[in-house]
């Protein structure tokens, strides 16, 4: 997996957000807010290929959570990122 290089995080009004745009005729702009852990993963994993285990390991290194919680959170983050086209395979 790899974070889509076209997606850039911006800090706006105290929030870390990603603005995505569609090539469709209608305005399909979408704003995605990243919480602290989502932003940490984004920053730690951008510009490199990574696996689900890399996501889990990054969470385990940064937060005081058990492996099962880190795996569930990693799977949720990856699913959300894929749904918003922020991760490419």
N, C-alpha and C. Protein backbone atom coordinates (compact mmCIF):
# COMPACT_ATOMS: atom_id res chain seq x y z
N UNK A 1 0.84 -1.17 0.00
CA UNK A 1 0.00 0.00 0.00
C UNK A 1 0.89 1.23 0.00
N UNK A 2 0.31 2.32 -0.45
CA UNK A 2 1.03 3.59 -0.43
C UNK A 2 0.01 4.72 -0.34
N UNK A 3 0.34 5.76 0.42
CA UNK A 3 -0.54 6.92 0.50
C UNK A 3 -0.51 7.64 -0.83
N UNK A 4 -1.68 7.99 -1.32
CA UNK A 4 -1.83 8.67 -2.60
C UNK A 4 -1.03 9.99 -2.55
N UNK A 5 -0.02 10.15 -3.39
CA UNK A 5 0.81 11.35 -3.33
C UNK A 5 0.08 12.63 -3.72
N UNK A 6 -1.08 12.52 -4.33
CA UNK A 6 -1.86 13.70 -4.70
C UNK A 6 -2.62 14.28 -3.51
N UNK A 7 -2.73 13.51 -2.44
CA UNK A 7 -3.44 13.97 -1.25
C UNK A 7 -2.46 14.66 -0.32
N UNK A 8 -2.75 15.88 0.05
CA UNK A 8 -1.88 16.65 0.92
C UNK A 8 -2.66 17.12 2.14
N UNK A 9 -2.05 17.01 3.30
CA UNK A 9 -2.66 17.48 4.55
C UNK A 9 -2.37 18.97 4.69
N UNK A 10 -3.40 19.70 5.07
CA UNK A 10 -3.26 21.13 5.34
C UNK A 10 -3.78 21.40 6.74
N UNK A 11 -3.15 22.34 7.42
CA UNK A 11 -3.60 22.75 8.75
C UNK A 11 -4.43 24.02 8.58
N UNK A 12 -5.74 23.92 8.81
CA UNK A 12 -6.65 25.04 8.59
C UNK A 12 -7.52 25.21 9.83
N UNK A 13 -7.53 26.39 10.38
CA UNK A 13 -8.38 26.74 11.52
C UNK A 13 -8.25 25.72 12.66
N UNK A 14 -7.03 25.29 12.94
CA UNK A 14 -6.79 24.37 14.04
C UNK A 14 -7.07 22.91 13.74
N UNK A 15 -7.44 22.60 12.50
CA UNK A 15 -7.74 21.23 12.10
C UNK A 15 -6.75 20.77 11.03
N UNK A 16 -6.41 19.49 11.05
CA UNK A 16 -5.61 18.90 9.99
C UNK A 16 -6.56 18.23 9.02
N UNK A 17 -6.57 18.70 7.78
CA UNK A 17 -7.55 18.22 6.81
C UNK A 17 -6.88 17.85 5.49
N UNK A 18 -7.58 17.00 4.74
CA UNK A 18 -7.21 16.67 3.38
C UNK A 18 -8.40 17.06 2.52
N UNK A 19 -8.13 17.77 1.45
CA UNK A 19 -9.19 18.15 0.52
C UNK A 19 -9.00 17.32 -0.74
N UNK A 20 -10.03 16.55 -1.09
CA UNK A 20 -9.98 15.74 -2.30
C UNK A 20 -10.92 16.35 -3.32
N UNK A 21 -10.57 16.19 -4.59
CA UNK A 21 -11.41 16.69 -5.66
C UNK A 21 -11.61 15.60 -6.68
N UNK A 22 -12.81 15.57 -7.24
CA UNK A 22 -13.15 14.61 -8.28
C UNK A 22 -12.97 15.26 -9.64
N UNK A 23 -12.73 14.46 -10.66
CA UNK A 23 -12.65 14.96 -12.02
C UNK A 23 -14.02 15.02 -12.67
N UNK A 24 -15.06 14.71 -11.93
CA UNK A 24 -16.42 14.71 -12.46
C UNK A 24 -16.86 16.14 -12.77
N UNK A 25 -17.90 16.28 -13.58
CA UNK A 25 -18.42 17.59 -13.95
C UNK A 25 -19.01 18.31 -12.74
N UNK A 26 -19.68 17.57 -11.88
CA UNK A 26 -20.24 18.17 -10.67
C UNK A 26 -19.12 18.41 -9.66
N UNK A 27 -19.32 19.38 -8.80
CA UNK A 27 -18.33 19.67 -7.76
C UNK A 27 -18.41 18.58 -6.70
N UNK A 28 -17.41 17.74 -6.65
CA UNK A 28 -17.39 16.62 -5.71
C UNK A 28 -16.25 16.79 -4.71
N UNK A 29 -15.98 18.03 -4.34
CA UNK A 29 -14.93 18.30 -3.37
C UNK A 29 -15.33 17.73 -2.01
N UNK A 30 -14.38 17.12 -1.35
CA UNK A 30 -14.63 16.50 -0.06
C UNK A 30 -13.52 16.90 0.90
N UNK A 31 -13.89 17.26 2.10
CA UNK A 31 -12.91 17.61 3.13
C UNK A 31 -12.90 16.48 4.16
N UNK A 32 -11.71 15.99 4.45
CA UNK A 32 -11.55 14.90 5.41
C UNK A 32 -10.69 15.40 6.56
N UNK A 33 -11.25 15.39 7.76
CA UNK A 33 -10.49 15.81 8.94
C UNK A 33 -9.75 14.60 9.51
N UNK A 34 -8.51 14.80 9.90
CA UNK A 34 -7.70 13.74 10.49
C UNK A 34 -7.52 14.00 11.97
N UNK A 35 -7.82 12.98 12.79
CA UNK A 35 -7.55 13.12 14.22
C UNK A 35 -6.05 12.89 14.46
N UNK A 36 -5.64 12.97 15.70
CA UNK A 36 -4.22 12.87 16.04
C UNK A 36 -3.58 11.58 15.55
N UNK A 37 -4.23 10.45 15.78
CA UNK A 37 -3.62 9.18 15.39
C UNK A 37 -3.64 9.00 13.87
N UNK A 38 -4.70 9.44 13.20
CA UNK A 38 -4.75 9.35 11.74
C UNK A 38 -3.66 10.22 11.11
N UNK A 39 -3.44 11.40 11.66
CA UNK A 39 -2.39 12.27 11.16
C UNK A 39 -1.02 11.66 11.42
N UNK A 40 -0.84 11.06 12.60
CA UNK A 40 0.44 10.41 12.91
C UNK A 40 0.75 9.32 11.89
N UNK A 41 -0.25 8.47 11.61
CA UNK A 41 -0.06 7.40 10.63
C UNK A 41 0.25 7.97 9.25
N UNK A 42 -0.52 8.98 8.84
CA UNK A 42 -0.30 9.61 7.54
C UNK A 42 1.14 10.11 7.43
N UNK A 43 1.60 10.84 8.43
CA UNK A 43 2.96 11.40 8.39
C UNK A 43 4.03 10.32 8.43
N UNK A 44 3.81 9.30 9.23
CA UNK A 44 4.82 8.23 9.39
C UNK A 44 4.93 7.34 8.16
N UNK A 45 3.83 7.20 7.42
CA UNK A 45 3.80 6.22 6.33
C UNK A 45 3.83 6.83 4.93
N UNK A 46 3.74 8.15 4.84
CA UNK A 46 3.72 8.75 3.51
C UNK A 46 5.05 8.56 2.80
N UNK A 47 5.00 8.55 1.50
CA UNK A 47 6.18 8.44 0.62
C UNK A 47 6.92 7.11 0.74
N UNK A 48 6.22 6.07 1.19
CA UNK A 48 6.85 4.75 1.19
C UNK A 48 5.77 3.68 1.11
N UNK A 49 6.14 2.52 0.62
CA UNK A 49 5.22 1.39 0.63
C UNK A 49 5.13 0.85 2.05
N UNK A 50 3.94 0.39 2.42
CA UNK A 50 3.76 -0.15 3.76
C UNK A 50 2.73 -1.27 3.74
N UNK A 51 2.76 -2.07 4.77
CA UNK A 51 1.82 -3.17 4.94
C UNK A 51 0.90 -2.88 6.12
N UNK A 52 -0.10 -3.72 6.29
CA UNK A 52 -0.97 -3.58 7.46
C UNK A 52 -0.15 -3.71 8.74
N UNK A 53 0.84 -4.61 8.74
CA UNK A 53 1.67 -4.78 9.93
C UNK A 53 2.47 -3.51 10.23
N UNK A 54 2.90 -2.79 9.21
CA UNK A 54 3.59 -1.52 9.43
C UNK A 54 2.68 -0.52 10.13
N UNK A 55 1.40 -0.51 9.75
CA UNK A 55 0.43 0.38 10.39
C UNK A 55 0.27 0.00 11.85
N UNK A 56 0.11 -1.29 12.11
CA UNK A 56 -0.02 -1.78 13.48
C UNK A 56 1.21 -1.41 14.30
N UNK A 57 2.38 -1.68 13.76
CA UNK A 57 3.63 -1.39 14.48
C UNK A 57 3.77 0.11 14.77
N UNK A 58 3.36 0.95 13.84
CA UNK A 58 3.44 2.39 14.04
C UNK A 58 2.55 2.82 15.20
N UNK A 59 1.36 2.24 15.28
CA UNK A 59 0.46 2.55 16.39
C UNK A 59 1.02 2.04 17.71
N UNK A 60 1.58 0.84 17.70
CA UNK A 60 2.14 0.27 18.94
C UNK A 60 3.32 1.10 19.45
N UNK A 61 4.11 1.64 18.54
CA UNK A 61 5.26 2.47 18.94
C UNK A 61 4.83 3.82 19.50
N UNK A 62 3.72 4.35 19.00
CA UNK A 62 3.33 5.72 19.36
C UNK A 62 2.33 5.79 20.52
N UNK A 63 1.55 4.74 20.72
CA UNK A 63 0.47 4.80 21.70
C UNK A 63 0.53 3.61 22.65
N UNK A 64 0.00 3.79 23.82
CA UNK A 64 -0.04 2.75 24.84
C UNK A 64 -1.30 1.90 24.63
N UNK A 65 -1.26 1.02 23.62
CA UNK A 65 -2.38 0.14 23.31
C UNK A 65 -1.87 -1.28 23.15
N UNK A 66 -2.77 -2.24 23.30
CA UNK A 66 -2.38 -3.63 23.09
C UNK A 66 -2.44 -3.96 21.60
N UNK A 67 -1.87 -5.09 21.23
CA UNK A 67 -1.76 -5.47 19.82
C UNK A 67 -3.11 -5.63 19.14
N UNK A 68 -4.10 -6.18 19.86
CA UNK A 68 -5.43 -6.37 19.26
C UNK A 68 -6.09 -5.03 18.96
N UNK A 69 -5.97 -4.09 19.88
CA UNK A 69 -6.54 -2.76 19.66
C UNK A 69 -5.82 -2.07 18.50
N UNK A 70 -4.50 -2.18 18.46
CA UNK A 70 -3.74 -1.57 17.38
C UNK A 70 -4.14 -2.16 16.03
N UNK A 71 -4.36 -3.47 15.96
CA UNK A 71 -4.76 -4.11 14.71
C UNK A 71 -6.14 -3.62 14.28
N UNK A 72 -7.09 -3.58 15.21
CA UNK A 72 -8.44 -3.09 14.86
C UNK A 72 -8.39 -1.65 14.37
N UNK A 73 -7.63 -0.81 15.07
CA UNK A 73 -7.52 0.59 14.66
C UNK A 73 -6.81 0.72 13.31
N UNK A 74 -5.79 -0.08 13.10
CA UNK A 74 -5.08 -0.06 11.82
C UNK A 74 -6.00 -0.46 10.68
N UNK A 75 -6.77 -1.51 10.88
CA UNK A 75 -7.71 -1.97 9.84
C UNK A 75 -8.76 -0.90 9.54
N UNK A 76 -9.25 -0.23 10.58
CA UNK A 76 -10.24 0.82 10.39
C UNK A 76 -9.63 2.00 9.63
N UNK A 77 -8.40 2.38 10.00
CA UNK A 77 -7.73 3.50 9.32
C UNK A 77 -7.50 3.19 7.85
N UNK A 78 -7.00 2.00 7.56
CA UNK A 78 -6.74 1.61 6.17
C UNK A 78 -8.05 1.59 5.38
N UNK A 79 -9.11 1.03 5.94
CA UNK A 79 -10.40 0.97 5.25
C UNK A 79 -10.91 2.37 4.93
N UNK A 80 -10.82 3.28 5.90
CA UNK A 80 -11.27 4.66 5.70
C UNK A 80 -10.42 5.37 4.64
N UNK A 81 -9.13 5.17 4.71
CA UNK A 81 -8.23 5.78 3.73
C UNK A 81 -8.49 5.24 2.33
N UNK A 82 -8.74 3.95 2.21
CA UNK A 82 -9.04 3.36 0.91
C UNK A 82 -10.38 3.87 0.37
N UNK A 83 -11.36 3.96 1.24
CA UNK A 83 -12.68 4.44 0.83
C UNK A 83 -12.59 5.87 0.27
N UNK A 84 -11.70 6.67 0.82
CA UNK A 84 -11.54 8.05 0.38
C UNK A 84 -10.42 8.22 -0.65
N UNK A 85 -9.97 7.09 -1.22
CA UNK A 85 -8.95 7.06 -2.27
C UNK A 85 -7.63 7.70 -1.83
N UNK A 86 -7.36 7.62 -0.54
CA UNK A 86 -6.13 8.19 -0.02
C UNK A 86 -5.00 7.17 0.04
N UNK A 87 -5.32 5.89 -0.22
CA UNK A 87 -4.32 4.83 -0.27
C UNK A 87 -4.46 4.13 -1.62
N UNK A 88 -3.30 3.91 -2.23
CA UNK A 88 -3.28 3.12 -3.45
C UNK A 88 -2.62 1.79 -3.13
N UNK A 89 -2.97 0.78 -3.89
CA UNK A 89 -2.38 -0.55 -3.65
C UNK A 89 -1.12 -0.76 -4.43
